[in-house]
Amino acid sequence: MIIGIWLFSAVGLYFMAFCAILRIIPGPSLNDRLIAINVAVTLAAAGSLALTVAIGDLIIAVLAMLCACIVFATTIRISQIRHEATT
């Protein structure tokens, strides 16, 4: 019973991450797209944590956090380059 709740939570968080990814396509500006990708990665990482509890395999959480760190560092760098180009 508890496992089903965690699995349902993971699926819901992954669905919300997918909706945030759909926001990237029509984003009017670069800043809007960067925020959307950060929200999507955060929701996907939370879904991975819920999936880790449901399945019981810690490697899922480790891989999700590694990917999240890479994406966050990339978005920070993109925003810095964009800011330097406008000033």
PDB file of N, CA and C in Angstrom:
ATOM      1  N   MET A   1       0.824  -1.196   0.000  1.00  0.00           N
ATOM      2  CA  MET A   1       0.000   0.000   0.000  1.00  0.00           C
ATOM      3  C   MET A   1       0.871   1.264   0.000  1.00  0.00           C
ATOM      4  N   ILE A   2       1.873   1.312   0.847  1.00  0.00           N
ATOM      5  CA  ILE A   2       2.735   2.485   0.908  1.00  0.00           C
ATOM      6  C   ILE A   2       3.527   2.637  -0.391  1.00  0.00           C
ATOM      7  N   ILE A   3       3.976   1.515  -0.949  1.00  0.00           N
ATOM      8  CA  ILE A   3       4.760   1.556  -2.188  1.00  0.00           C
ATOM      9  C   ILE A   3       3.926   2.167  -3.314  1.00  0.00           C
ATOM     10  N   GLY A   4       2.656   1.832  -3.376  1.00  0.00           N
ATOM     11  CA  GLY A   4       1.782   2.374  -4.408  1.00  0.00           C
ATOM     12  C   GLY A   4       1.633   3.879  -4.302  1.00  0.00           C
ATOM     13  N   ILE A   5       1.607   4.408  -3.089  1.00  0.00           N
ATOM     14  CA  ILE A   5       1.492   5.846  -2.899  1.00  0.00           C
ATOM     15  C   ILE A   5       2.748   6.552  -3.392  1.00  0.00           C
ATOM     16  N   TRP A   6       3.911   5.999  -3.075  1.00  0.00           N
ATOM     17  CA  TRP A   6       5.161   6.603  -3.539  1.00  0.00           C
ATOM     18  C   TRP A   6       5.288   6.525  -5.052  1.00  0.00           C
ATOM     19  N   LEU A   7       4.855   5.421  -5.635  1.00  0.00           N
ATOM     20  CA  LEU A   7       4.905   5.279  -7.086  1.00  0.00           C
ATOM     21  C   LEU A   7       3.955   6.266  -7.758  1.00  0.00           C
ATOM     22  N   PHE A   8       2.774   6.431  -7.200  1.00  0.00           N
ATOM     23  CA  PHE A   8       1.813   7.395  -7.734  1.00  0.00           C
ATOM     24  C   PHE A   8       2.364   8.818  -7.630  1.00  0.00           C
ATOM     25  N   SER A   9       3.030   9.118  -6.525  1.00  0.00           N
ATOM     26  CA  SER A   9       3.647  10.437  -6.362  1.00  0.00           C
ATOM     27  C   SER A   9       4.738  10.661  -7.405  1.00  0.00           C
ATOM     28  N   ALA A  10       5.546   9.638  -7.658  1.00  0.00           N
ATOM     29  CA  ALA A  10       6.605   9.751  -8.663  1.00  0.00           C
ATOM     30  C   ALA A  10       6.016  10.004 -10.044  1.00  0.00           C
ATOM     31  N   VAL A  11       4.978   9.287 -10.389  1.00  0.00           N
ATOM     32  CA  VAL A  11       4.349   9.472 -11.700  1.00  0.00           C
ATOM     33  C   VAL A  11       3.762  10.879 -11.817  1.00  0.00           C
ATOM     34  N   GLY A  12       3.138  11.359 -10.754  1.00  0.00           N
ATOM     35  CA  GLY A  12       2.583  12.717 -10.771  1.00  0.00           C
ATOM     36  C   GLY A  12       3.656  13.780 -10.925  1.00  0.00           C
ATOM     37  N   LEU A  13       4.765  13.611 -10.224  1.00  0.00           N
ATOM     38  CA  LEU A  13       5.862  14.574 -10.344  1.00  0.00           C
ATOM     39  C   LEU A  13       6.495  14.532 -11.729  1.00  0.00           C
ATOM     40  N   TYR A  14       6.631  13.333 -12.300  1.00  0.00           N
ATOM     41  CA  TYR A  14       7.167  13.232 -13.666  1.00  0.00           C
ATOM     42  C   TYR A  14       6.223  13.885 -14.676  1.00  0.00           C
ATOM     43  N   PHE A  15       4.921  13.754 -14.461  1.00  0.00           N
ATOM     44  CA  PHE A  15       3.951  14.387 -15.356  1.00  0.00           C
ATOM     45  C   PHE A  15       4.068  15.910 -15.278  1.00  0.00           C
ATOM     46  N   MET A  16       4.217  16.445 -14.064  1.00  0.00           N
ATOM     47  CA  MET A  16       4.380  17.894 -13.919  1.00  0.00           C
ATOM     48  C   MET A  16       5.694  18.366 -14.540  1.00  0.00           C
ATOM     49  N   ALA A  17       6.744  17.546 -14.448  1.00  0.00           N
ATOM     50  CA  ALA A  17       8.011  17.890 -15.097  1.00  0.00           C
ATOM     51  C   ALA A  17       7.845  17.924 -16.614  1.00  0.00           C
ATOM     52  N   PHE A  18       7.082  16.983 -17.148  1.00  0.00           N
ATOM     53  CA  PHE A  18       6.811  16.968 -18.585  1.00  0.00           C
ATOM     54  C   PHE A  18       6.046  18.221 -19.010  1.00  0.00           C
ATOM     55  N   CYS A  19       5.089  18.644 -18.193  1.00  0.00           N
ATOM     56  CA  CYS A  19       4.352  19.877 -18.496  1.00  0.00           C
ATOM     57  C   CYS A  19       5.279  21.097 -18.468  1.00  0.00           C
ATOM     58  N   ALA A  20       6.238  21.108 -17.545  1.00  0.00           N
ATOM     59  CA  ALA A  20       7.200  22.207 -17.502  1.00  0.00           C
ATOM     60  C   ALA A  20       8.103  22.180 -18.733  1.00  0.00           C
ATOM     61  N   ILE A  21       8.437  21.004 -19.223  1.00  0.00           N
ATOM     62  CA  ILE A  21       9.238  20.903 -20.443  1.00  0.00           C
ATOM     63  C   ILE A  21       8.459  21.446 -21.636  1.00  0.00           C
ATOM     64  N   LEU A  22       7.159  21.219 -21.661  1.00  0.00           N
ATOM     65  CA  LEU A  22       6.348  21.771 -22.745  1.00  0.00           C
ATOM     66  C   LEU A  22       6.336  23.294 -22.711  1.00  0.00           C
ATOM     67  N   ARG A  23       6.574  23.880 -21.556  1.00  0.00           N
ATOM     68  CA  ARG A  23       6.625  25.342 -21.427  1.00  0.00           C
ATOM     69  C   ARG A  23       7.889  25.918 -22.077  1.00  0.00           C
ATOM     70  N   ILE A  24       8.906  25.096 -22.245  1.00  0.00           N
ATOM     71  CA  ILE A  24      10.152  25.579 -22.833  1.00  0.00           C
ATOM     72  C   ILE A  24       9.961  25.948 -24.305  1.00  0.00           C
ATOM     73  N   ILE A  25       9.145  25.209 -25.004  1.00  0.00           N
ATOM     74  CA  ILE A  25       8.981  25.398 -26.451  1.00  0.00           C
ATOM     75  C   ILE A  25       8.427  26.789 -26.788  1.00  0.00           C
ATOM     76  N   PRO A  26       7.290  27.230 -26.185  1.00  0.00           N
ATOM     77  CA  PRO A  26       6.775  28.552 -26.572  1.00  0.00           C
ATOM     78  C   PRO A  26       7.299  29.694 -25.700  1.00  0.00           C
ATOM     79  N   GLY A  27       8.302  29.455 -24.909  1.00  0.00           N
ATOM     80  CA  GLY A  27       8.808  30.486 -24.002  1.00  0.00           C
ATOM     81  C   GLY A  27       9.173  31.750 -24.753  1.00  0.00           C
ATOM     82  N   PRO A  28       8.674  32.895 -24.292  1.00  0.00           N
ATOM     83  CA  PRO A  28       8.925  34.134 -25.031  1.00  0.00           C
ATOM     84  C   PRO A  28      10.358  34.649 -24.910  1.00  0.00           C
ATOM     85  N   SER A  29      11.037  34.300 -23.843  1.00  0.00           N
ATOM     86  CA  SER A  29      12.396  34.813 -23.671  1.00  0.00           C
ATOM     87  C   SER A  29      13.308  33.710 -23.152  1.00  0.00           C
ATOM     88  N   LEU A  30      14.590  33.990 -23.192  1.00  0.00           N
ATOM     89  CA  LEU A  30      15.561  33.021 -22.698  1.00  0.00           C
ATOM     90  C   LEU A  30      15.408  32.802 -21.194  1.00  0.00           C
ATOM     91  N   ASN A  31      15.146  33.880 -20.461  1.00  0.00           N
ATOM     92  CA  ASN A  31      14.969  33.739 -19.019  1.00  0.00           C
ATOM     93  C   ASN A  31      13.786  32.847 -18.673  1.00  0.00           C
ATOM     94  N   ASP A  32      12.707  32.978 -19.430  1.00  0.00           N
ATOM     95  CA  ASP A  32      11.536  32.131 -19.209  1.00  0.00           C
ATOM     96  C   ASP A  32      11.867  30.666 -19.482  1.00  0.00           C
ATOM     97  N   ARG A  33      12.634  30.426 -20.499  1.00  0.00           N
ATOM     98  CA  ARG A  33      13.029  29.051 -20.825  1.00  0.00           C
ATOM     99  C   ARG A  33      13.967  28.469 -19.773  1.00  0.00           C
ATOM    100  N   LEU A  34      14.887  29.283 -19.260  1.00  0.00           N
ATOM    101  CA  LEU A  34      15.794  28.803 -18.222  1.00  0.00           C
ATOM    102  C   LEU A  34      15.043  28.467 -16.929  1.00  0.00           C
ATOM    103  N   ILE A  35      14.074  29.284 -16.579  1.00  0.00           N
ATOM    104  CA  ILE A  35      13.272  28.989 -15.391  1.00  0.00           C
ATOM    105  C   ILE A  35      12.464  27.720 -15.600  1.00  0.00           C
ATOM    106  N   ALA A  36      11.912  27.548 -16.795  1.00  0.00           N
ATOM    107  CA  ALA A  36      11.117  26.350 -17.068  1.00  0.00           C
ATOM    108  C   ALA A  36      11.973  25.083 -16.983  1.00  0.00           C
ATOM    109  N   ILE A  37      13.198  25.122 -17.484  1.00  0.00           N
ATOM    110  CA  ILE A  37      14.045  23.933 -17.414  1.00  0.00           C
ATOM    111  C   ILE A  37      14.469  23.664 -15.976  1.00  0.00           C
ATOM    112  N   ASN A  38      14.695  24.711 -15.189  1.00  0.00           N
ATOM    113  CA  ASN A  38      15.029  24.505 -13.779  1.00  0.00           C
ATOM    114  C   ASN A  38      13.864  23.904 -13.009  1.00  0.00           C
ATOM    115  N   VAL A  39      12.655  24.357 -13.294  1.00  0.00           N
ATOM    116  CA  VAL A  39      11.471  23.781 -12.648  1.00  0.00           C
ATOM    117  C   VAL A  39      11.299  22.322 -13.061  1.00  0.00           C
ATOM    118  N   ALA A  40      11.494  22.034 -14.345  1.00  0.00           N
ATOM    119  CA  ALA A  40      11.349  20.657 -14.826  1.00  0.00           C
ATOM    120  C   ALA A  40      12.368  19.735 -14.174  1.00  0.00           C
ATOM    121  N   VAL A  41      13.590  20.181 -14.055  1.00  0.00           N
ATOM    122  CA  VAL A  41      14.629  19.345 -13.443  1.00  0.00           C
ATOM    123  C   VAL A  41      14.361  19.150 -11.954  1.00  0.00           C
ATOM    124  N   THR A  42      13.897  20.190 -11.288  1.00  0.00           N
ATOM    125  CA  THR A  42      13.574  20.065  -9.868  1.00  0.00           C
ATOM    126  C   THR A  42      12.444  19.072  -9.643  1.00  0.00           C
ATOM    127  N   LEU A  43      11.393  19.157 -10.466  1.00  0.00           N
ATOM    128  CA  LEU A  43      10.289  18.205 -10.339  1.00  0.00           C
ATOM    129  C   LEU A  43      10.715  16.784 -10.689  1.00  0.00           C
ATOM    130  N   ALA A  44      11.558  16.644 -11.695  1.00  0.00           N
ATOM    131  CA  ALA A  44      12.039  15.306 -12.059  1.00  0.00           C
ATOM    132  C   ALA A  44      12.920  14.719 -10.961  1.00  0.00           C
ATOM    133  N   ALA A  45      13.722  15.551 -10.317  1.00  0.00           N
ATOM    134  CA  ALA A  45      14.555  15.071  -9.211  1.00  0.00           C
ATOM    135  C   ALA A  45      13.691  14.648  -8.023  1.00  0.00           C
ATOM    136  N   ALA A  46      12.638  15.402  -7.753  1.00  0.00           N
ATOM    137  CA  ALA A  46      11.716  15.015  -6.680  1.00  0.00           C
ATOM    138  C   ALA A  46      10.994  13.715  -7.033  1.00  0.00           C
ATOM    139  N   GLY A  47      10.632  13.564  -8.303  1.00  0.00           N
ATOM    140  CA  GLY A  47      10.024  12.310  -8.745  1.00  0.00           C
ATOM    141  C   GLY A  47      10.982  11.140  -8.623  1.00  0.00           C
ATOM    142  N   SER A  48      12.242  11.405  -8.889  1.00  0.00           N
ATOM    143  CA  SER A  48      13.244  10.342  -8.747  1.00  0.00           C
ATOM    144  C   SER A  48      13.422   9.936  -7.285  1.00  0.00           C
ATOM    145  N   LEU A  49      13.348  10.894  -6.387  1.00  0.00           N
ATOM    146  CA  LEU A  49      13.421  10.559  -4.959  1.00  0.00           C
ATOM    147  C   LEU A  49      12.222   9.716  -4.530  1.00  0.00           C
ATOM    148  N   ALA A  50      11.041  10.070  -5.023  1.00  0.00           N
ATOM    149  CA  ALA A  50       9.859   9.265  -4.709  1.00  0.00           C
ATOM    150  C   ALA A  50       9.975   7.873  -5.322  1.00  0.00           C
ATOM    151  N   LEU A  51      10.512   7.787  -6.521  1.00  0.00           N
ATOM    152  CA  LEU A  51      10.712   6.483  -7.158  1.00  0.00           C
ATOM    153  C   LEU A  51      11.751   5.658  -6.415  1.00  0.00           C
ATOM    154  N   THR A  52      12.756   6.325  -5.865  1.00  0.00           N
ATOM    155  CA  THR A  52      13.758   5.630  -5.066  1.00  0.00           C
ATOM    156  C   THR A  52      13.127   4.980  -3.842  1.00  0.00           C
ATOM    157  N   VAL A  53      12.216   5.690  -3.191  1.00  0.00           N
ATOM    158  CA  VAL A  53      11.530   5.122  -2.035  1.00  0.00           C
ATOM    159  C   VAL A  53      10.633   3.968  -2.467  1.00  0.00           C
ATOM    160  N   ALA A  54       9.954   4.122  -3.609  1.00  0.00           N
ATOM    161  CA  ALA A  54       9.040   3.077  -4.074  1.00  0.00           C
ATOM    162  C   ALA A  54       9.781   1.806  -4.467  1.00  0.00           C
ATOM    163  N   ILE A  55      10.896   1.949  -5.159  1.00  0.00           N
ATOM    164  CA  ILE A  55      11.629   0.780  -5.644  1.00  0.00           C
ATOM    165  C   ILE A  55      12.644   0.297  -4.621  1.00  0.00           C
ATOM    166  N   GLY A  56      13.282   1.230  -3.942  1.00  0.00           N
ATOM    167  CA  GLY A  56      14.267   0.865  -2.939  1.00  0.00           C
ATOM    168  C   GLY A  56      15.687   0.782  -3.475  1.00  0.00           C
ATOM    169  N   ASP A  57      15.934   1.409  -4.617  1.00  0.00           N
ATOM    170  CA  ASP A  57      17.264   1.387  -5.215  1.00  0.00           C
ATOM    171  C   ASP A  57      17.837   2.794  -5.170  1.00  0.00           C
ATOM    172  N   LEU A  58      18.919   2.991  -4.442  1.00  0.00           N
ATOM    173  CA  LEU A  58      19.488   4.312  -4.202  1.00  0.00           C
ATOM    174  C   LEU A  58      20.176   4.897  -5.428  1.00  0.00           C
ATOM    175  N   ILE A  59      20.555   4.082  -6.385  1.00  0.00           N
ATOM    176  CA  ILE A  59      21.274   4.576  -7.558  1.00  0.00           C
ATOM    177  C   ILE A  59      20.403   5.525  -8.384  1.00  0.00           C
ATOM    178  N   ILE A  60      19.092   5.362  -8.327  1.00  0.00           N
ATOM    179  CA  ILE A  60      18.188   6.258  -9.059  1.00  0.00           C
ATOM    180  C   ILE A  60      18.333   7.679  -8.539  1.00  0.00           C
ATOM    181  N   ALA A  61      18.361   7.832  -7.226  1.00  0.00           N
ATOM    182  CA  ALA A  61      18.498   9.163  -6.636  1.00  0.00           C
ATOM    183  C   ALA A  61      19.864   9.766  -6.936  1.00  0.00           C
ATOM    184  N   VAL A  62      20.892   8.962  -6.899  1.00  0.00           N
ATOM    185  CA  VAL A  62      22.244   9.460  -7.170  1.00  0.00           C
ATOM    186  C   VAL A  62      22.352   9.958  -8.606  1.00  0.00           C
ATOM    187  N   LEU A  63      21.848   9.197  -9.552  1.00  0.00           N
ATOM    188  CA  LEU A  63      21.893   9.610 -10.955  1.00  0.00           C
ATOM    189  C   LEU A  63      21.045  10.854 -11.206  1.00  0.00           C
ATOM    190  N   ALA A  64      19.885  10.923 -10.564  1.00  0.00           N
ATOM    191  CA  ALA A  64      19.012  12.084 -10.732  1.00  0.00           C
ATOM    192  C   ALA A  64      19.671  13.345 -10.188  1.00  0.00           C
ATOM    193  N   MET A  65      20.302  13.238  -9.032  1.00  0.00           N
ATOM    194  CA  MET A  65      20.957  14.411  -8.463  1.00  0.00           C
ATOM    195  C   MET A  65      22.184  14.827  -9.277  1.00  0.00           C
ATOM    196  N   LEU A  66      22.894  13.882  -9.842  1.00  0.00           N
ATOM    197  CA  LEU A  66      24.029  14.198 -10.702  1.00  0.00           C
ATOM    198  C   LEU A  66      23.572  14.936 -11.957  1.00  0.00           C
ATOM    199  N   CYS A  67      22.517  14.440 -12.580  1.00  0.00           N
ATOM    200  CA  CYS A  67      21.971  15.107 -13.763  1.00  0.00           C
ATOM    201  C   CYS A  67      21.436  16.489 -13.422  1.00  0.00           C
ATOM    202  N   ALA A  68      20.781  16.625 -12.262  1.00  0.00           N
ATOM    203  CA  ALA A  68      20.255  17.920 -11.843  1.00  0.00           C
ATOM    204  C   ALA A  68      21.380  18.925 -11.637  1.00  0.00           C
ATOM    205  N   CYS A  69      22.462  18.500 -11.021  1.00  0.00           N
ATOM    206  CA  CYS A  69      23.602  19.405 -10.815  1.00  0.00           C
ATOM    207  C   CYS A  69      24.197  19.858 -12.137  1.00  0.00           C
ATOM    208  N   ILE A  70      24.296  18.970 -13.091  1.00  0.00           N
ATOM    209  CA  ILE A  70      24.829  19.331 -14.407  1.00  0.00           C
ATOM    210  C   ILE A  70      23.919  20.339 -15.103  1.00  0.00           C
ATOM    211  N   VAL A  71      22.609  20.103 -15.056  1.00  0.00           N
ATOM    212  CA  VAL A  71      21.674  21.019 -15.716  1.00  0.00           C
ATOM    213  C   VAL A  71      21.657  22.376 -15.016  1.00  0.00           C
ATOM    214  N   PHE A  72      21.678  22.385 -13.686  1.00  0.00           N
ATOM    215  CA  PHE A  72      21.679  23.653 -12.959  1.00  0.00           C
ATOM    216  C   PHE A  72      22.946  24.447 -13.261  1.00  0.00           C
ATOM    217  N   ALA A  73      24.093  23.797 -13.292  1.00  0.00           N
ATOM    218  CA  ALA A  73      25.341  24.491 -13.609  1.00  0.00           C
ATOM    219  C   ALA A  73      25.310  25.039 -15.032  1.00  0.00           C
ATOM    220  N   THR A  74      24.735  24.287 -15.943  1.00  0.00           N
ATOM    221  CA  THR A  74      24.639  24.740 -17.332  1.00  0.00           C
ATOM    222  C   THR A  74      23.731  25.953 -17.453  1.00  0.00           C
ATOM    223  N   THR A  75      22.596  25.938 -16.793  1.00  0.00           N
ATOM    224  CA  THR A  75      21.690  27.086 -16.881  1.00  0.00           C
ATOM    225  C   THR A  75      22.293  28.328 -16.226  1.00  0.00           C
ATOM    226  N   ILE A  76      23.041  28.139 -15.153  1.00  0.00           N
ATOM    227  CA  ILE A  76      23.715  29.282 -14.536  1.00  0.00           C
ATOM    228  C   ILE A  76      24.735  29.872 -15.504  1.00  0.00           C
ATOM    229  N   ARG A  77      25.496  29.016 -16.159  1.00  0.00           N
ATOM    230  CA  ARG A  77      26.500  29.489 -17.110  1.00  0.00           C
ATOM    231  C   ARG A  77      25.849  30.185 -18.305  1.00  0.00           C
ATOM    232  N   ILE A  78      24.756  29.650 -18.812  1.00  0.00           N
ATOM    233  CA  ILE A  78      24.060  30.279 -19.941  1.00  0.00           C
ATOM    234  C   ILE A  78      23.554  31.659 -19.547  1.00  0.00           C
ATOM    235  N   SER A  79      23.004  31.775 -18.347  1.00  0.00           N
ATOM    236  CA  SER A  79      22.494  33.078 -17.918  1.00  0.00           C
ATOM    237  C   SER A  79      23.632  34.068 -17.695  1.00  0.00           C
ATOM    238  N   GLN A  80      24.801  33.606 -17.244  1.00  0.00           N
ATOM    239  CA  GLN A  80      25.950  34.504 -17.086  1.00  0.00           C
ATOM    240  C   GLN A  80      26.459  34.996 -18.432  1.00  0.00           C
ATOM    241  N   ILE A  81      26.538  34.104 -19.401  1.00  0.00           N
ATOM    242  CA  ILE A  81      27.004  34.490 -20.736  1.00  0.00           C
ATOM    243  C   ILE A  81      26.031  35.477 -21.347  1.00  0.00           C
ATOM    244  N   ARG A  82      24.755  35.228 -21.189  1.00  0.00           N
ATOM    245  CA  ARG A  82      23.731  36.136 -21.738  1.00  0.00           C
ATOM    246  C   ARG A  82      23.805  37.508 -21.070  1.00  0.00           C
ATOM    247  N   HIS A  83      24.036  37.494 -19.743  1.00  0.00           N
ATOM    248  CA  HIS A  83      24.118  38.770 -19.007  1.00  0.00           C
ATOM    249  C   HIS A  83      25.358  39.564 -19.431  1.00  0.00           C
ATOM    250  N   GLU A  84      26.479  38.877 -19.634  1.00  0.00           N
ATOM    251  CA  GLU A  84      27.717  39.547 -20.069  1.00  0.00           C
ATOM    252  C   GLU A  84      27.556  40.120 -21.479  1.00  0.00           C
ATOM    253  N   ALA A  85      26.802  39.440 -22.312  1.00  0.00           N
ATOM    254  CA  ALA A  85      26.642  39.905 -23.700  1.00  0.00           C
ATOM    255  C   ALA A  85      25.765  41.156 -23.768  1.00  0.00           C
ATOM    256  N   THR A  86      24.837  41.319 -22.822  1.00  0.00           N
ATOM    257  CA  THR A  86      23.950  42.480 -22.863  1.00  0.00           C
ATOM    258  C   THR A  86      24.553  43.699 -22.189  1.00  0.00           C
ATOM    259  N   THR A  87      25.571  43.501 -21.367  1.00  0.00           N
ATOM    260  CA  THR A  87      26.167  44.670 -20.688  1.00  0.00           C
ATOM    261  C   THR A  87      27.432  45.124 -21.353  1.00  0.00           C
TER     262      THR A  87
END
